[in-house]
Amino acid sequence: MVSNLIDNYIKDSLINGKVTRFNKTIINIFVSQIVAPLSMSEKQDYYNAISNAIKIWNEYAPVKFQQITSPQGADIVINWSKVGIKLEGMCKFRSIIASEIKAITIDIGLPNPNSPKKIDKATILHTILHELGHSLGLGHGVEVDDIMFVPHQKTLNKPSENDIYVLNTLYKNQIGNNFNQIIR
């Protein structure tokens, strides 16, 4: 059942008060190489988490992610960085034109010996799912079982009914619609 706070989630998903999303059905993702001093096994865990997150979103989203082998032609570029004190991931909108998302960079945190944050496989998957949700246009969720809820519930491994409802609402509405124009 969709939350009675769903309007708040929809409003949080609007950028400058407008539906802002990709205007395509296939979204190309390029994943940069991990150059940090991690074992091959650890690196593979990160790459597998990206593949799993793509597969999970592709199961639920009205658009599909496709991994490509070059940053040229990528709508989303995923980079790796040291974990900060607060953030495990960050979605940056590099280009939005007339409420249409054109280019995004996602930074995913790698283990940092100087940070108190501990990174495990569940955290990695959840962080990637959450940041990919932002890349699709989702704001922050309203219930603790939303993949987009903050603070993160790192044991979640798929979008909630609220996440899916808001995502479908964004993608069935015209880019640039304001809240009062949204069709449900």
N, C-alpha and C. Protein backbone atom coordinates (compact mmCIF):
# COMPACT_ATOMS: atom_id res chain seq x y z
N MET A 1 0.83 -1.18 0.00
CA MET A 1 0.00 0.00 0.00
C MET A 1 0.88 1.25 0.00
N VAL A 2 0.54 2.21 -0.84
CA VAL A 2 1.30 3.44 -0.95
C VAL A 2 1.06 4.31 0.29
N SER A 3 2.11 4.96 0.76
CA SER A 3 2.06 5.79 1.96
C SER A 3 1.09 6.96 1.80
N ASN A 4 0.48 7.36 2.91
CA ASN A 4 -0.36 8.56 2.88
C ASN A 4 0.49 9.82 2.80
N LEU A 5 1.81 9.68 2.85
CA LEU A 5 2.74 10.80 2.69
C LEU A 5 3.33 10.86 1.28
N ILE A 6 2.72 10.13 0.36
CA ILE A 6 3.29 10.00 -0.99
C ILE A 6 3.43 11.35 -1.70
N ASP A 7 2.52 12.29 -1.43
CA ASP A 7 2.63 13.61 -2.05
C ASP A 7 3.94 14.30 -1.65
N ASN A 8 4.36 14.10 -0.40
CA ASN A 8 5.63 14.68 0.05
C ASN A 8 6.80 14.08 -0.73
N TYR A 9 6.73 12.78 -0.99
CA TYR A 9 7.78 12.09 -1.75
C TYR A 9 7.80 12.63 -3.18
N ILE A 10 6.62 12.77 -3.78
CA ILE A 10 6.56 13.32 -5.15
C ILE A 10 7.14 14.72 -5.17
N LYS A 11 6.74 15.57 -4.23
CA LYS A 11 7.24 16.95 -4.19
C LYS A 11 8.76 16.97 -4.02
N ASP A 12 9.31 16.06 -3.20
CA ASP A 12 10.75 16.01 -3.00
C ASP A 12 11.48 15.53 -4.25
N SER A 13 10.75 14.88 -5.15
CA SER A 13 11.35 14.38 -6.39
C SER A 13 11.31 15.40 -7.52
N LEU A 14 10.66 16.52 -7.30
CA LEU A 14 10.62 17.58 -8.31
C LEU A 14 11.84 18.47 -8.14
N ILE A 15 12.43 18.87 -9.24
CA ILE A 15 13.57 19.79 -9.19
C ILE A 15 13.06 21.14 -9.66
N ASN A 16 13.26 22.15 -8.83
CA ASN A 16 12.70 23.48 -9.07
C ASN A 16 11.19 23.39 -9.27
N GLY A 17 10.56 22.46 -8.54
CA GLY A 17 9.11 22.32 -8.58
C GLY A 17 8.57 21.64 -9.81
N LYS A 18 9.44 21.03 -10.62
CA LYS A 18 9.00 20.43 -11.89
C LYS A 18 9.46 18.99 -12.03
N VAL A 19 8.66 18.20 -12.78
CA VAL A 19 9.07 16.84 -13.12
C VAL A 19 10.36 16.95 -13.93
N THR A 20 11.40 16.32 -13.42
CA THR A 20 12.71 16.34 -14.06
C THR A 20 13.19 14.90 -14.14
N ARG A 21 13.45 14.46 -15.37
CA ARG A 21 13.81 13.06 -15.59
C ARG A 21 14.48 12.93 -16.95
N PHE A 22 14.95 11.71 -17.23
CA PHE A 22 15.46 11.41 -18.57
C PHE A 22 14.28 11.36 -19.53
N ASN A 23 14.53 11.69 -20.78
CA ASN A 23 13.51 11.60 -21.83
C ASN A 23 13.91 10.51 -22.82
N LYS A 24 14.22 9.35 -22.29
CA LYS A 24 14.62 8.21 -23.11
C LYS A 24 14.29 6.95 -22.34
N THR A 25 14.23 5.84 -23.04
CA THR A 25 13.88 4.58 -22.38
C THR A 25 15.10 3.75 -22.01
N ILE A 26 16.24 3.99 -22.66
CA ILE A 26 17.49 3.31 -22.33
C ILE A 26 18.47 4.36 -21.83
N ILE A 27 18.98 4.15 -20.62
CA ILE A 27 19.92 5.07 -20.00
C ILE A 27 21.27 4.38 -19.92
N ASN A 28 22.27 4.95 -20.59
CA ASN A 28 23.60 4.34 -20.66
C ASN A 28 24.44 4.71 -19.44
N ILE A 29 25.04 3.68 -18.85
CA ILE A 29 25.89 3.85 -17.67
C ILE A 29 27.30 3.38 -17.99
N PHE A 30 28.27 4.22 -17.66
CA PHE A 30 29.67 3.83 -17.74
C PHE A 30 30.21 3.75 -16.31
N VAL A 31 30.88 2.66 -16.00
CA VAL A 31 31.47 2.46 -14.67
C VAL A 31 32.99 2.58 -14.81
N SER A 32 33.56 3.58 -14.15
CA SER A 32 35.01 3.76 -14.22
C SER A 32 35.73 2.64 -13.46
N GLN A 33 37.00 2.47 -13.79
CA GLN A 33 37.82 1.46 -13.12
C GLN A 33 38.16 1.93 -11.71
N ILE A 34 38.24 0.98 -10.81
CA ILE A 34 38.67 1.29 -9.45
C ILE A 34 40.20 1.27 -9.44
N VAL A 35 40.80 2.40 -9.06
CA VAL A 35 42.26 2.49 -9.02
C VAL A 35 42.79 2.48 -7.59
N ALA A 36 41.90 2.45 -6.62
CA ALA A 36 42.31 2.41 -5.21
C ALA A 36 43.01 1.08 -4.91
N PRO A 37 43.86 1.07 -3.89
CA PRO A 37 44.58 -0.17 -3.55
C PRO A 37 43.69 -1.17 -2.83
N LEU A 38 42.81 -1.80 -3.59
CA LEU A 38 41.94 -2.86 -3.08
C LEU A 38 42.31 -4.16 -3.77
N SER A 39 41.99 -5.26 -3.14
CA SER A 39 42.25 -6.56 -3.77
C SER A 39 41.32 -6.73 -4.98
N MET A 40 41.69 -7.62 -5.87
CA MET A 40 40.84 -7.90 -7.04
C MET A 40 39.46 -8.37 -6.58
N SER A 41 39.42 -9.15 -5.51
CA SER A 41 38.16 -9.65 -4.96
C SER A 41 37.28 -8.50 -4.47
N GLU A 42 37.88 -7.55 -3.76
CA GLU A 42 37.11 -6.40 -3.27
C GLU A 42 36.59 -5.56 -4.44
N LYS A 43 37.45 -5.34 -5.42
CA LYS A 43 37.01 -4.58 -6.60
C LYS A 43 35.86 -5.29 -7.29
N GLN A 44 35.97 -6.61 -7.42
CA GLN A 44 34.90 -7.37 -8.08
C GLN A 44 33.59 -7.26 -7.30
N ASP A 45 33.67 -7.21 -5.97
CA ASP A 45 32.46 -7.01 -5.16
C ASP A 45 31.76 -5.71 -5.54
N TYR A 46 32.53 -4.65 -5.74
CA TYR A 46 31.95 -3.36 -6.14
C TYR A 46 31.33 -3.44 -7.53
N TYR A 47 32.06 -4.02 -8.47
CA TYR A 47 31.51 -4.15 -9.83
C TYR A 47 30.25 -5.01 -9.83
N ASN A 48 30.26 -6.09 -9.04
CA ASN A 48 29.06 -6.94 -8.95
C ASN A 48 27.89 -6.19 -8.35
N ALA A 49 28.16 -5.33 -7.37
CA ALA A 49 27.08 -4.54 -6.76
C ALA A 49 26.45 -3.61 -7.79
N ILE A 50 27.27 -3.02 -8.66
CA ILE A 50 26.72 -2.17 -9.73
C ILE A 50 25.83 -3.02 -10.63
N SER A 51 26.32 -4.16 -11.07
CA SER A 51 25.53 -5.03 -11.95
C SER A 51 24.22 -5.44 -11.28
N ASN A 52 24.28 -5.79 -10.00
CA ASN A 52 23.07 -6.19 -9.27
C ASN A 52 22.09 -5.03 -9.15
N ALA A 53 22.60 -3.84 -8.85
CA ALA A 53 21.72 -2.67 -8.71
C ALA A 53 21.05 -2.34 -10.04
N ILE A 54 21.80 -2.43 -11.14
CA ILE A 54 21.22 -2.20 -12.46
C ILE A 54 20.11 -3.22 -12.73
N LYS A 55 20.40 -4.48 -12.43
CA LYS A 55 19.40 -5.54 -12.65
C LYS A 55 18.14 -5.29 -11.81
N ILE A 56 18.32 -4.90 -10.56
CA ILE A 56 17.17 -4.64 -9.68
C ILE A 56 16.34 -3.49 -10.21
N TRP A 57 16.97 -2.35 -10.53
CA TRP A 57 16.19 -1.22 -11.04
C TRP A 57 15.52 -1.57 -12.37
N ASN A 58 16.22 -2.32 -13.23
CA ASN A 58 15.63 -2.70 -14.52
C ASN A 58 14.38 -3.56 -14.34
N GLU A 59 14.29 -4.27 -13.23
CA GLU A 59 13.12 -5.09 -12.95
C GLU A 59 11.89 -4.25 -12.60
N TYR A 60 12.12 -3.06 -12.03
CA TYR A 60 11.02 -2.25 -11.51
C TYR A 60 10.77 -0.95 -12.26
N ALA A 61 11.76 -0.41 -12.92
CA ALA A 61 11.66 0.94 -13.50
C ALA A 61 11.01 0.92 -14.87
N PRO A 62 10.36 2.03 -15.22
CA PRO A 62 9.76 2.15 -16.55
C PRO A 62 10.80 2.46 -17.64
N VAL A 63 12.04 2.67 -17.24
CA VAL A 63 13.16 2.86 -18.16
C VAL A 63 14.20 1.81 -17.79
N LYS A 64 15.19 1.62 -18.66
CA LYS A 64 16.19 0.57 -18.42
C LYS A 64 17.59 1.15 -18.45
N PHE A 65 18.42 0.67 -17.54
CA PHE A 65 19.84 0.99 -17.53
C PHE A 65 20.56 -0.01 -18.42
N GLN A 66 21.57 0.49 -19.13
CA GLN A 66 22.42 -0.36 -19.97
C GLN A 66 23.86 0.04 -19.71
N GLN A 67 24.69 -0.91 -19.30
CA GLN A 67 26.08 -0.61 -19.04
C GLN A 67 26.85 -0.60 -20.35
N ILE A 68 27.66 0.45 -20.54
CA ILE A 68 28.48 0.58 -21.74
C ILE A 68 29.96 0.62 -21.34
N THR A 69 30.85 0.47 -22.32
CA THR A 69 32.27 0.31 -22.02
C THR A 69 33.11 1.57 -22.20
N SER A 70 32.47 2.69 -22.52
CA SER A 70 33.19 3.94 -22.73
C SER A 70 32.37 5.09 -22.13
N PRO A 71 33.05 6.10 -21.61
CA PRO A 71 32.30 7.25 -21.10
C PRO A 71 31.61 8.05 -22.20
N GLN A 72 32.10 7.90 -23.46
CA GLN A 72 31.43 8.57 -24.57
C GLN A 72 30.07 7.92 -24.76
N GLY A 73 29.04 8.74 -24.79
CA GLY A 73 27.69 8.22 -24.96
C GLY A 73 27.03 7.81 -23.65
N ALA A 74 27.74 8.00 -22.53
CA ALA A 74 27.16 7.65 -21.23
C ALA A 74 26.27 8.78 -20.73
N ASP A 75 25.10 8.41 -20.25
CA ASP A 75 24.21 9.36 -19.58
C ASP A 75 24.62 9.50 -18.12
N ILE A 76 25.14 8.40 -17.58
CA ILE A 76 25.58 8.35 -16.18
C ILE A 76 26.99 7.79 -16.15
N VAL A 77 27.88 8.47 -15.44
CA VAL A 77 29.23 7.97 -15.22
C VAL A 77 29.37 7.71 -13.72
N ILE A 78 29.77 6.49 -13.38
CA ILE A 78 29.97 6.13 -11.97
C ILE A 78 31.47 6.13 -11.69
N ASN A 79 31.85 6.94 -10.69
CA ASN A 79 33.23 7.05 -10.24
C ASN A 79 33.33 6.54 -8.82
N TRP A 80 34.56 6.30 -8.40
CA TRP A 80 34.84 5.77 -7.07
C TRP A 80 35.62 6.80 -6.28
N SER A 81 35.31 6.94 -5.00
CA SER A 81 36.01 7.91 -4.16
C SER A 81 36.12 7.37 -2.74
N LYS A 82 36.97 8.00 -1.94
CA LYS A 82 37.07 7.61 -0.54
C LYS A 82 35.79 8.04 0.17
N VAL A 83 35.36 7.23 1.11
CA VAL A 83 34.18 7.55 1.89
C VAL A 83 34.50 8.74 2.79
N GLY A 84 33.61 9.70 2.80
CA GLY A 84 33.75 10.82 3.70
C GLY A 84 33.20 10.47 5.07
N ILE A 85 33.12 11.45 5.92
CA ILE A 85 32.60 11.22 7.26
C ILE A 85 31.09 10.98 7.21
N LYS A 86 30.39 11.64 6.29
CA LYS A 86 28.93 11.52 6.24
C LYS A 86 28.41 10.76 5.03
N LEU A 87 29.04 10.88 3.89
CA LEU A 87 28.46 10.38 2.64
C LEU A 87 29.11 9.10 2.16
N GLU A 88 28.27 8.17 1.70
CA GLU A 88 28.76 6.94 1.08
C GLU A 88 28.58 6.97 -0.42
N GLY A 89 27.79 7.92 -0.90
CA GLY A 89 27.55 8.08 -2.32
C GLY A 89 26.98 9.46 -2.59
N MET A 90 27.11 9.90 -3.84
CA MET A 90 26.60 11.21 -4.21
C MET A 90 26.22 11.19 -5.69
N CYS A 91 25.01 11.64 -5.98
CA CYS A 91 24.54 11.77 -7.36
C CYS A 91 24.60 13.25 -7.72
N LYS A 92 25.32 13.56 -8.79
CA LYS A 92 25.49 14.95 -9.22
C LYS A 92 24.88 15.12 -10.61
N PHE A 93 23.94 16.04 -10.71
CA PHE A 93 23.31 16.33 -11.99
C PHE A 93 24.22 17.30 -12.74
N ARG A 94 24.96 16.80 -13.72
CA ARG A 94 25.90 17.64 -14.48
C ARG A 94 25.19 18.49 -15.51
N SER A 95 24.07 18.00 -16.05
CA SER A 95 23.36 18.76 -17.08
C SER A 95 21.87 18.45 -17.03
N ILE A 96 21.09 19.50 -16.81
CA ILE A 96 19.63 19.44 -16.91
C ILE A 96 19.24 20.59 -17.82
N ILE A 97 18.54 20.26 -18.91
CA ILE A 97 18.09 21.29 -19.85
C ILE A 97 16.58 21.21 -19.94
N ALA A 98 15.90 22.31 -19.60
CA ALA A 98 14.44 22.38 -19.64
C ALA A 98 13.82 21.18 -18.91
N SER A 99 14.31 20.91 -17.71
CA SER A 99 13.83 19.83 -16.83
C SER A 99 14.11 18.42 -17.36
N GLU A 100 14.93 18.31 -18.38
CA GLU A 100 15.32 17.00 -18.90
C GLU A 100 16.74 16.68 -18.44
N ILE A 101 16.89 15.56 -17.75
CA ILE A 101 18.22 15.14 -17.30
C ILE A 101 19.02 14.69 -18.52
N LYS A 102 20.22 15.27 -18.65
CA LYS A 102 21.09 14.94 -19.78
C LYS A 102 22.35 14.19 -19.35
N ALA A 103 22.92 14.54 -18.19
CA ALA A 103 24.18 13.92 -17.77
C ALA A 103 24.29 13.93 -16.25
N ILE A 104 24.75 12.79 -15.73
CA ILE A 104 24.87 12.60 -14.28
C ILE A 104 26.21 11.94 -13.98
N THR A 105 26.79 12.33 -12.85
CA THR A 105 27.94 11.62 -12.30
C THR A 105 27.53 11.10 -10.93
N ILE A 106 27.83 9.85 -10.68
CA ILE A 106 27.59 9.26 -9.36
C ILE A 106 28.94 8.88 -8.77
N ASP A 107 29.20 9.35 -7.56
CA ASP A 107 30.41 8.96 -6.83
C ASP A 107 30.00 7.93 -5.78
N ILE A 108 30.69 6.80 -5.78
CA ILE A 108 30.44 5.75 -4.80
C ILE A 108 31.68 5.62 -3.92
N GLY A 109 31.44 5.57 -2.62
CA GLY A 109 32.53 5.54 -1.65
C GLY A 109 33.22 4.20 -1.55
N LEU A 110 34.53 4.25 -1.49
CA LEU A 110 35.37 3.08 -1.23
C LEU A 110 35.80 3.13 0.24
N PRO A 111 36.24 2.02 0.80
CA PRO A 111 36.69 2.04 2.19
C PRO A 111 37.79 3.08 2.41
N ASN A 112 37.69 3.78 3.52
CA ASN A 112 38.65 4.82 3.86
C ASN A 112 39.14 4.55 5.29
N PRO A 113 40.42 4.23 5.45
CA PRO A 113 40.92 3.91 6.80
C PRO A 113 40.80 5.08 7.78
N ASN A 114 40.63 6.30 7.27
CA ASN A 114 40.51 7.48 8.13
C ASN A 114 39.07 7.81 8.50
N SER A 115 38.13 7.01 8.02
CA SER A 115 36.72 7.26 8.28
C SER A 115 36.17 6.23 9.26
N PRO A 116 35.28 6.65 10.15
CA PRO A 116 34.66 5.68 11.06
C PRO A 116 33.63 4.80 10.37
N LYS A 117 33.24 5.15 9.14
CA LYS A 117 32.23 4.38 8.42
C LYS A 117 32.79 3.04 7.98
N LYS A 118 32.02 2.00 8.21
CA LYS A 118 32.40 0.67 7.76
C LYS A 118 31.58 0.34 6.51
N ILE A 119 32.26 -0.13 5.49
CA ILE A 119 31.63 -0.45 4.22
C ILE A 119 31.58 -1.97 4.08
N ASP A 120 30.37 -2.51 3.91
CA ASP A 120 30.22 -3.93 3.63
C ASP A 120 29.39 -4.10 2.35
N LYS A 121 29.18 -5.33 1.94
CA LYS A 121 28.48 -5.57 0.67
C LYS A 121 27.07 -5.02 0.68
N ALA A 122 26.36 -5.13 1.79
CA ALA A 122 24.99 -4.60 1.88
C ALA A 122 25.00 -3.08 1.75
N THR A 123 25.98 -2.43 2.37
CA THR A 123 26.09 -0.97 2.28
C THR A 123 26.37 -0.54 0.84
N ILE A 124 27.27 -1.26 0.19
CA ILE A 124 27.63 -0.94 -1.20
C ILE A 124 26.39 -1.05 -2.09
N LEU A 125 25.68 -2.16 -2.02
CA LEU A 125 24.50 -2.36 -2.86
C LEU A 125 23.45 -1.30 -2.56
N HIS A 126 23.17 -1.06 -1.30
CA HIS A 126 22.15 -0.08 -0.95
C HIS A 126 22.54 1.31 -1.46
N THR A 127 23.79 1.69 -1.27
CA THR A 127 24.25 3.01 -1.72
C THR A 127 24.08 3.16 -3.22
N ILE A 128 24.46 2.15 -3.98
CA ILE A 128 24.33 2.21 -5.44
C ILE A 128 22.86 2.26 -5.83
N LEU A 129 22.02 1.45 -5.22
CA LEU A 129 20.58 1.50 -5.51
C LEU A 129 20.02 2.89 -5.23
N HIS A 130 20.39 3.47 -4.10
CA HIS A 130 19.90 4.79 -3.71
C HIS A 130 20.34 5.86 -4.71
N GLU A 131 21.62 5.86 -5.06
CA GLU A 131 22.13 6.88 -5.99
C GLU A 131 21.56 6.70 -7.40
N LEU A 132 21.38 5.46 -7.84
CA LEU A 132 20.72 5.24 -9.13
C LEU A 132 19.28 5.73 -9.08
N GLY A 133 18.62 5.58 -7.93
CA GLY A 133 17.27 6.12 -7.77
C GLY A 133 17.26 7.63 -7.98
N HIS A 134 18.23 8.33 -7.39
CA HIS A 134 18.33 9.77 -7.63
C HIS A 134 18.54 10.06 -9.11
N SER A 135 19.38 9.26 -9.76
CA SER A 135 19.67 9.51 -11.18
C SER A 135 18.41 9.38 -12.04
N LEU A 136 17.47 8.57 -11.59
CA LEU A 136 16.20 8.42 -12.32
C LEU A 136 15.24 9.57 -12.06
N GLY A 137 15.56 10.39 -11.07
CA GLY A 137 14.71 11.54 -10.75
C GLY A 137 14.07 11.48 -9.38
N LEU A 138 14.29 10.41 -8.64
CA LEU A 138 13.67 10.27 -7.32
C LEU A 138 14.34 11.16 -6.28
N GLY A 139 13.51 11.76 -5.43
CA GLY A 139 14.01 12.49 -4.27
C GLY A 139 14.13 11.51 -3.12
N HIS A 140 13.99 12.02 -1.90
CA HIS A 140 14.08 11.14 -0.73
C HIS A 140 12.71 10.62 -0.34
N GLY A 141 12.70 9.35 0.06
CA GLY A 141 11.46 8.67 0.43
C GLY A 141 10.90 9.16 1.75
N VAL A 142 9.71 8.67 2.06
CA VAL A 142 8.99 9.12 3.26
C VAL A 142 8.81 8.03 4.31
N GLU A 143 9.12 6.80 3.96
CA GLU A 143 8.97 5.68 4.89
C GLU A 143 10.30 4.93 4.99
N VAL A 144 10.56 4.33 6.15
CA VAL A 144 11.86 3.68 6.37
C VAL A 144 12.13 2.53 5.41
N ASP A 145 11.10 1.95 4.81
CA ASP A 145 11.35 0.85 3.87
C ASP A 145 11.52 1.33 2.43
N ASP A 146 11.56 2.65 2.21
CA ASP A 146 11.86 3.19 0.88
C ASP A 146 13.36 3.14 0.66
N ILE A 147 13.80 2.67 -0.49
CA ILE A 147 15.24 2.64 -0.79
C ILE A 147 15.79 4.06 -0.80
N MET A 148 14.90 5.04 -1.03
CA MET A 148 15.31 6.43 -1.10
C MET A 148 15.19 7.16 0.24
N PHE A 149 14.83 6.46 1.30
CA PHE A 149 14.68 7.08 2.63
C PHE A 149 16.04 7.41 3.21
N VAL A 150 16.11 8.52 3.93
CA VAL A 150 17.31 8.92 4.66
C VAL A 150 16.89 9.15 6.11
N PRO A 151 17.60 8.63 7.12
CA PRO A 151 18.86 7.90 6.99
C PRO A 151 18.65 6.51 6.38
N HIS A 152 19.67 6.07 5.65
CA HIS A 152 19.58 4.83 4.90
C HIS A 152 19.35 3.62 5.80
N GLN A 153 18.51 2.73 5.31
CA GLN A 153 18.31 1.43 5.95
C GLN A 153 19.08 0.44 5.08
N LYS A 154 20.31 0.18 5.43
CA LYS A 154 21.25 -0.50 4.53
C LYS A 154 20.95 -1.96 4.28
N THR A 155 19.93 -2.50 4.93
CA THR A 155 19.56 -3.88 4.67
C THR A 155 18.56 -3.98 3.52
N LEU A 156 18.04 -2.85 3.05
CA LEU A 156 17.08 -2.88 1.94
C LEU A 156 17.82 -3.18 0.64
N ASN A 157 17.21 -4.01 -0.21
CA ASN A 157 17.89 -4.37 -1.46
C ASN A 157 16.96 -4.33 -2.66
N LYS A 158 15.86 -3.58 -2.56
CA LYS A 158 15.00 -3.37 -3.72
C LYS A 158 14.10 -2.17 -3.44
N PRO A 159 13.59 -1.55 -4.51
CA PRO A 159 12.70 -0.40 -4.32
C PRO A 159 11.40 -0.82 -3.62
N SER A 160 10.87 0.09 -2.83
CA SER A 160 9.60 -0.14 -2.14
C SER A 160 8.44 0.20 -3.07
N GLU A 161 7.24 -0.08 -2.61
CA GLU A 161 6.04 0.29 -3.37
C GLU A 161 5.99 1.81 -3.56
N ASN A 162 6.39 2.57 -2.54
CA ASN A 162 6.43 4.03 -2.67
C ASN A 162 7.44 4.46 -3.74
N ASP A 163 8.64 3.87 -3.71
CA ASP A 163 9.67 4.20 -4.70
C ASP A 163 9.14 3.97 -6.12
N ILE A 164 8.53 2.82 -6.32
CA ILE A 164 8.03 2.45 -7.65
C ILE A 164 6.88 3.36 -8.06
N TYR A 165 5.99 3.68 -7.13
CA TYR A 165 4.85 4.55 -7.44
C TYR A 165 5.34 5.94 -7.89
N VAL A 166 6.27 6.52 -7.13
CA VAL A 166 6.76 7.85 -7.48
C VAL A 166 7.53 7.80 -8.80
N LEU A 167 8.35 6.78 -9.00
CA LEU A 167 9.09 6.66 -10.25
C LEU A 167 8.14 6.56 -11.44
N ASN A 168 7.13 5.70 -11.33
CA ASN A 168 6.15 5.58 -12.42
C ASN A 168 5.39 6.88 -12.63
N THR A 169 5.09 7.59 -11.55
CA THR A 169 4.41 8.89 -11.67
C THR A 169 5.27 9.87 -12.45
N LEU A 170 6.56 9.94 -12.13
CA LEU A 170 7.46 10.85 -12.84
C LEU A 170 7.52 10.53 -14.33
N TYR A 171 7.61 9.24 -14.65
CA TYR A 171 7.82 8.85 -16.04
C TYR A 171 6.55 8.79 -16.87
N LYS A 172 5.38 8.85 -16.25
CA LYS A 172 4.16 8.94 -17.06
C LYS A 172 3.69 10.38 -17.21
N ASN A 173 4.37 11.30 -16.56
CA ASN A 173 4.04 12.71 -16.68
C ASN A 173 5.03 13.42 -17.58
N GLN A 174 4.58 14.51 -18.13
CA GLN A 174 5.40 15.30 -19.04
C GLN A 174 6.52 15.99 -18.27
N ILE A 175 7.70 15.97 -18.86
CA ILE A 175 8.83 16.71 -18.30
C ILE A 175 8.42 18.17 -18.16
N GLY A 176 8.72 18.74 -17.01
CA GLY A 176 8.40 20.15 -16.77
C GLY A 176 7.08 20.39 -16.07
N ASN A 177 6.24 19.35 -15.95
CA ASN A 177 4.98 19.53 -15.21
C ASN A 177 5.27 19.92 -13.77
N ASN A 178 4.44 20.82 -13.22
CA ASN A 178 4.57 21.11 -11.80
C ASN A 178 3.65 20.19 -11.01
N PHE A 179 3.69 20.27 -9.70
CA PHE A 179 2.96 19.33 -8.86
C PHE A 179 1.47 19.32 -9.17
N ASN A 180 0.88 20.48 -9.39
CA ASN A 180 -0.57 20.56 -9.65
C ASN A 180 -0.96 19.97 -11.00
N GLN A 181 0.00 19.77 -11.89
CA GLN A 181 -0.28 19.20 -13.22
C GLN A 181 -0.05 17.69 -13.27
N ILE A 182 0.44 17.12 -12.19
CA ILE A 182 0.81 15.70 -12.20
C ILE A 182 -0.42 14.81 -12.26
N ILE A 183 -0.37 13.86 -13.20
CA ILE A 183 -1.40 12.84 -13.36
C ILE A 183 -0.91 11.61 -12.62
N ARG A 184 -1.81 10.98 -11.87
CA ARG A 184 -1.41 9.79 -11.10
C ARG A 184 -1.87 8.53 -11.76
